[in-house]
Amino acid sequence: MDSSPKIEPISAFHKDCPHCGSSLFPVSNQTEENNDGEEKPDKECHCCGKKFIILFGC
């Protein structure tokens, strides 16, 4: 089974988590050399722990 958390798509206009309403914070992806084709989250909710990737046109 895949134990990694699912990254949900979100619009760049979202500033709050659609699940709990808390503010979203940017995620720093500092391991860019570790690019194994895996999607990296752009934003994260510090309240519920959900991770999001920004998709334009979403």
PDB file of N, CA and C in Angstrom:
ATOM      1  N   MET A   1       0.830  -1.190   0.000  1.00  0.00           N
ATOM      2  CA  MET A   1       0.000   0.000   0.000  1.00  0.00           C
ATOM      3  C   MET A   1       0.872   1.250   0.000  1.00  0.00           C
ATOM      4  N   ASP A   2       0.371   2.299  -0.598  1.00  0.00           N
ATOM      5  CA  ASP A   2       1.087   3.562  -0.661  1.00  0.00           C
ATOM      6  C   ASP A   2       0.842   4.349   0.616  1.00  0.00           C
ATOM      7  N   SER A   3       1.919   4.615   1.376  1.00  0.00           N
ATOM      8  CA  SER A   3       1.756   5.303   2.654  1.00  0.00           C
ATOM      9  C   SER A   3       1.976   6.809   2.526  1.00  0.00           C
ATOM     10  N   SER A   4       2.329   7.306   1.314  1.00  0.00           N
ATOM     11  CA  SER A   4       2.547   8.735   1.149  1.00  0.00           C
ATOM     12  C   SER A   4       1.203   9.468   1.106  1.00  0.00           C
ATOM     13  N   PRO A   5       1.152  10.679   1.685  1.00  0.00           N
ATOM     14  CA  PRO A   5      -0.111  11.419   1.689  1.00  0.00           C
ATOM     15  C   PRO A   5      -0.468  11.880   0.284  1.00  0.00           C
ATOM     16  N   LYS A   6      -1.747  11.900  -0.031  1.00  0.00           N
ATOM     17  CA  LYS A   6      -2.214  12.309  -1.346  1.00  0.00           C
ATOM     18  C   LYS A   6      -2.151  13.824  -1.458  1.00  0.00           C
ATOM     19  N   ILE A   7      -1.612  14.292  -2.570  1.00  0.00           N
ATOM     20  CA  ILE A   7      -1.548  15.718  -2.836  1.00  0.00           C
ATOM     21  C   ILE A   7      -2.753  16.081  -3.686  1.00  0.00           C
ATOM     22  N   GLU A   8      -3.550  17.022  -3.214  1.00  0.00           N
ATOM     23  CA  GLU A   8      -4.765  17.416  -3.921  1.00  0.00           C
ATOM     24  C   GLU A   8      -4.508  18.644  -4.781  1.00  0.00           C
ATOM     25  N   PRO A   9      -5.138  18.719  -5.969  1.00  0.00           N
ATOM     26  CA  PRO A   9      -5.001  19.918  -6.798  1.00  0.00           C
ATOM     27  C   PRO A   9      -5.810  21.070  -6.213  1.00  0.00           C
ATOM     28  N   ILE A  10      -5.283  22.287  -6.369  1.00  0.00           N
ATOM     29  CA  ILE A  10      -5.962  23.472  -5.846  1.00  0.00           C
ATOM     30  C   ILE A  10      -5.644  24.639  -6.772  1.00  0.00           C
ATOM     31  N   SER A  11      -6.535  25.600  -6.828  1.00  0.00           N
ATOM     32  CA  SER A  11      -6.316  26.790  -7.628  1.00  0.00           C
ATOM     33  C   SER A  11      -5.345  27.727  -6.924  1.00  0.00           C
ATOM     34  N   ALA A  12      -4.619  28.518  -7.686  1.00  0.00           N
ATOM     35  CA  ALA A  12      -3.663  29.476  -7.120  1.00  0.00           C
ATOM     36  C   ALA A  12      -4.390  30.561  -6.333  1.00  0.00           C
ATOM     37  N   PHE A  13      -5.697  30.707  -6.530  1.00  0.00           N
ATOM     38  CA  PHE A  13      -6.462  31.741  -5.834  1.00  0.00           C
ATOM     39  C   PHE A  13      -6.863  31.330  -4.425  1.00  0.00           C
ATOM     40  N   HIS A  14      -6.756  30.047  -4.093  1.00  0.00           N
ATOM     41  CA  HIS A  14      -7.114  29.583  -2.757  1.00  0.00           C
ATOM     42  C   HIS A  14      -6.072  30.045  -1.742  1.00  0.00           C
ATOM     43  N   LYS A  15      -6.517  30.701  -0.695  1.00  0.00           N
ATOM     44  CA  LYS A  15      -5.631  31.110   0.384  1.00  0.00           C
ATOM     45  C   LYS A  15      -5.933  30.326   1.662  1.00  0.00           C
ATOM     46  N   ASP A  16      -7.102  29.682   1.676  1.00  0.00           N
ATOM     47  CA  ASP A  16      -7.526  28.904   2.842  1.00  0.00           C
ATOM     48  C   ASP A  16      -7.782  27.461   2.438  1.00  0.00           C
ATOM     49  N   CYS A  17      -7.611  26.565   3.391  1.00  0.00           N
ATOM     50  CA  CYS A  17      -7.830  25.141   3.161  1.00  0.00           C
ATOM     51  C   CYS A  17      -9.317  24.880   2.893  1.00  0.00           C
ATOM     52  N   PRO A  18      -9.644  24.171   1.802  1.00  0.00           N
ATOM     53  CA  PRO A  18     -11.052  23.866   1.525  1.00  0.00           C
ATOM     54  C   PRO A  18     -11.646  22.853   2.494  1.00  0.00           C
ATOM     55  N   HIS A  19     -10.816  22.184   3.287  1.00  0.00           N
ATOM     56  CA  HIS A  19     -11.310  21.177   4.225  1.00  0.00           C
ATOM     57  C   HIS A  19     -11.645  21.763   5.591  1.00  0.00           C
ATOM     58  N   CYS A  20     -10.723  22.603   6.131  1.00  0.00           N
ATOM     59  CA  CYS A  20     -10.955  23.105   7.488  1.00  0.00           C
ATOM     60  C   CYS A  20     -11.014  24.630   7.565  1.00  0.00           C
ATOM     61  N   GLY A  21     -10.659  25.332   6.481  1.00  0.00           N
ATOM     62  CA  GLY A  21     -10.764  26.782   6.460  1.00  0.00           C
ATOM     63  C   GLY A  21      -9.554  27.528   7.005  1.00  0.00           C
ATOM     64  N   SER A  22      -8.520  26.816   7.449  1.00  0.00           N
ATOM     65  CA  SER A  22      -7.319  27.464   7.971  1.00  0.00           C
ATOM     66  C   SER A  22      -6.452  27.972   6.824  1.00  0.00           C
ATOM     67  N   SER A  23      -5.547  28.874   7.144  1.00  0.00           N
ATOM     68  CA  SER A  23      -4.649  29.438   6.134  1.00  0.00           C
ATOM     69  C   SER A  23      -3.699  28.381   5.593  1.00  0.00           C
ATOM     70  N   LEU A  24      -3.396  28.500   4.290  1.00  0.00           N
ATOM     71  CA  LEU A  24      -2.427  27.616   3.646  1.00  0.00           C
ATOM     72  C   LEU A  24      -1.064  28.282   3.652  1.00  0.00           C
ATOM     73  N   PHE A  25      -0.026  27.491   3.817  1.00  0.00           N
ATOM     74  CA  PHE A  25       1.336  27.995   3.849  1.00  0.00           C
ATOM     75  C   PHE A  25       2.136  27.356   2.729  1.00  0.00           C
ATOM     76  N   PRO A  26       3.063  28.120   2.119  1.00  0.00           N
ATOM     77  CA  PRO A  26       3.909  27.532   1.059  1.00  0.00           C
ATOM     78  C   PRO A  26       4.825  26.454   1.612  1.00  0.00           C
ATOM     79  N   VAL A  27       5.091  25.453   0.787  1.00  0.00           N
ATOM     80  CA  VAL A  27       5.998  24.361   1.157  1.00  0.00           C
ATOM     81  C   VAL A  27       7.307  24.596   0.421  1.00  0.00           C
ATOM     82  N   SER A  28       8.409  24.537   1.132  1.00  0.00           N
ATOM     83  CA  SER A  28       9.709  24.701   0.474  1.00  0.00           C
ATOM     84  C   SER A  28      10.196  23.343   0.007  1.00  0.00           C
ATOM     85  N   ASN A  29      10.387  23.221  -1.297  1.00  0.00           N
ATOM     86  CA  ASN A  29      10.892  21.976  -1.903  1.00  0.00           C
ATOM     87  C   ASN A  29      12.379  22.143  -2.143  1.00  0.00           C
ATOM     88  N   GLN A  30      13.188  21.902  -1.119  1.00  0.00           N
ATOM     89  CA  GLN A  30      14.616  22.150  -1.220  1.00  0.00           C
ATOM     90  C   GLN A  30      15.376  20.976  -1.817  1.00  0.00           C
ATOM     91  N   THR A  31      14.758  19.829  -1.976  1.00  0.00           N
ATOM     92  CA  THR A  31      15.447  18.654  -2.522  1.00  0.00           C
ATOM     93  C   THR A  31      15.129  18.516  -4.009  1.00  0.00           C
ATOM     94  N   GLU A  32      15.468  19.548  -4.790  1.00  0.00           N
ATOM     95  CA  GLU A  32      15.160  19.539  -6.220  1.00  0.00           C
ATOM     96  C   GLU A  32      16.020  18.539  -6.984  1.00  0.00           C
ATOM     97  N   GLU A  33      17.220  18.212  -6.483  1.00  0.00           N
ATOM     98  CA  GLU A  33      18.066  17.238  -7.157  1.00  0.00           C
ATOM     99  C   GLU A  33      17.514  15.823  -7.014  1.00  0.00           C
ATOM    100  N   ASN A  34      16.586  15.643  -6.096  1.00  0.00           N
ATOM    101  CA  ASN A  34      15.944  14.349  -5.875  1.00  0.00           C
ATOM    102  C   ASN A  34      14.678  14.231  -6.721  1.00  0.00           C
ATOM    103  N   ASN A  35      14.729  14.638  -7.963  1.00  0.00           N
ATOM    104  CA  ASN A  35      13.551  14.646  -8.824  1.00  0.00           C
ATOM    105  C   ASN A  35      13.341  13.253  -9.420  1.00  0.00           C
ATOM    106  N   ASP A  36      12.467  12.482  -8.789  1.00  0.00           N
ATOM    107  CA  ASP A  36      12.194  11.123  -9.256  1.00  0.00           C
ATOM    108  C   ASP A  36      10.820  11.018  -9.913  1.00  0.00           C
ATOM    109  N   GLY A  37      10.320  12.138 -10.436  1.00  0.00           N
ATOM    110  CA  GLY A  37       9.027  12.131 -11.093  1.00  0.00           C
ATOM    111  C   GLY A  37       7.867  12.248 -10.130  1.00  0.00           C
ATOM    112  N   GLU A  38       8.152  12.368  -8.863  1.00  0.00           N
ATOM    113  CA  GLU A  38       7.122  12.454  -7.845  1.00  0.00           C
ATOM    114  C   GLU A  38       6.623  13.890  -7.735  1.00  0.00           C
ATOM    115  N   GLU A  39       5.295  14.060  -7.612  1.00  0.00           N
ATOM    116  CA  GLU A  39       4.745  15.402  -7.455  1.00  0.00           C
ATOM    117  C   GLU A  39       5.110  15.956  -6.085  1.00  0.00           C
ATOM    118  N   LYS A  40       5.482  17.227  -6.060  1.00  0.00           N
ATOM    119  CA  LYS A  40       5.828  17.893  -4.808  1.00  0.00           C
ATOM    120  C   LYS A  40       4.730  18.892  -4.471  1.00  0.00           C
ATOM    121  N   PRO A  41       4.315  18.960  -3.213  1.00  0.00           N
ATOM    122  CA  PRO A  41       3.269  19.909  -2.842  1.00  0.00           C
ATOM    123  C   PRO A  41       3.760  21.354  -2.885  1.00  0.00           C
ATOM    124  N   ASP A  42       2.855  22.288  -3.211  1.00  0.00           N
ATOM    125  CA  ASP A  42       3.172  23.710  -3.231  1.00  0.00           C
ATOM    126  C   ASP A  42       2.697  24.407  -1.961  1.00  0.00           C
ATOM    127  N   LYS A  43       1.562  23.933  -1.429  1.00  0.00           N
ATOM    128  CA  LYS A  43       0.992  24.529  -0.223  1.00  0.00           C
ATOM    129  C   LYS A  43       0.585  23.437   0.747  1.00  0.00           C
ATOM    130  N   GLU A  44       0.534  23.806   2.031  1.00  0.00           N
ATOM    131  CA  GLU A  44       0.190  22.846   3.069  1.00  0.00           C
ATOM    132  C   GLU A  44      -0.650  23.538   4.130  1.00  0.00           C
ATOM    133  N   CYS A  45      -1.613  22.822   4.675  1.00  0.00           N
ATOM    134  CA  CYS A  45      -2.419  23.327   5.779  1.00  0.00           C
ATOM    135  C   CYS A  45      -1.778  22.858   7.081  1.00  0.00           C
ATOM    136  N   HIS A  46      -1.415  23.793   7.932  1.00  0.00           N
ATOM    137  CA  HIS A  46      -0.773  23.428   9.192  1.00  0.00           C
ATOM    138  C   HIS A  46      -1.786  22.912  10.214  1.00  0.00           C
ATOM    139  N   CYS A  47      -3.074  23.113   9.949  1.00  0.00           N
ATOM    140  CA  CYS A  47      -4.112  22.656  10.879  1.00  0.00           C
ATOM    141  C   CYS A  47      -4.449  21.175  10.653  1.00  0.00           C
ATOM    142  N   CYS A  48      -4.864  20.829   9.432  1.00  0.00           N
ATOM    143  CA  CYS A  48      -5.286  19.447   9.174  1.00  0.00           C
ATOM    144  C   CYS A  48      -4.219  18.619   8.459  1.00  0.00           C
ATOM    145  N   GLY A  49      -3.134  19.259   7.996  1.00  0.00           N
ATOM    146  CA  GLY A  49      -2.024  18.523   7.391  1.00  0.00           C
ATOM    147  C   GLY A  49      -2.197  18.172   5.928  1.00  0.00           C
ATOM    148  N   LYS A  50      -3.258  18.643   5.289  1.00  0.00           N
ATOM    149  CA  LYS A  50      -3.466  18.354   3.861  1.00  0.00           C
ATOM    150  C   LYS A  50      -2.422  19.089   3.033  1.00  0.00           C
ATOM    151  N   LYS A  51      -2.012  18.467   1.932  1.00  0.00           N
ATOM    152  CA  LYS A  51      -1.030  19.062   1.033  1.00  0.00           C
ATOM    153  C   LYS A  51      -1.683  19.285  -0.327  1.00  0.00           C
ATOM    154  N   PHE A  52      -1.307  20.378  -0.993  1.00  0.00           N
ATOM    155  CA  PHE A  52      -1.921  20.773  -2.250  1.00  0.00           C
ATOM    156  C   PHE A  52      -0.875  21.134  -3.279  1.00  0.00           C
ATOM    157  N   ILE A  53      -1.191  20.856  -4.534  1.00  0.00           N
ATOM    158  CA  ILE A  53      -0.360  21.289  -5.662  1.00  0.00           C
ATOM    159  C   ILE A  53      -1.194  22.287  -6.457  1.00  0.00           C
ATOM    160  N   ILE A  54      -0.562  23.397  -6.832  1.00  0.00           N
ATOM    161  CA  ILE A  54      -1.291  24.442  -7.558  1.00  0.00           C
ATOM    162  C   ILE A  54      -1.404  24.050  -9.021  1.00  0.00           C
ATOM    163  N   LEU A  55      -2.637  24.002  -9.511  1.00  0.00           N
ATOM    164  CA  LEU A  55      -2.918  23.755 -10.912  1.00  0.00           C
ATOM    165  C   LEU A  55      -3.684  24.943 -11.443  1.00  0.00           C
ATOM    166  N   PHE A  56      -3.181  25.562 -12.488  1.00  0.00           N
ATOM    167  CA  PHE A  56      -3.860  26.716 -13.067  1.00  0.00           C
ATOM    168  C   PHE A  56      -5.020  26.212 -13.921  1.00  0.00           C
ATOM    169  N   GLY A  57      -6.133  26.914 -13.828  1.00  0.00           N
ATOM    170  CA  GLY A  57      -7.335  26.497 -14.532  1.00  0.00           C
ATOM    171  C   GLY A  57      -8.140  25.488 -13.733  1.00  0.00           C
ATOM    172  N   CYS A  58      -7.777  25.298 -12.484  1.00  0.00           N
ATOM    173  CA  CYS A  58      -8.455  24.345 -11.620  1.00  0.00           C
ATOM    174  C   CYS A  58      -9.601  25.028 -10.898  1.00  0.00           C
TER     175      CYS A  58
END
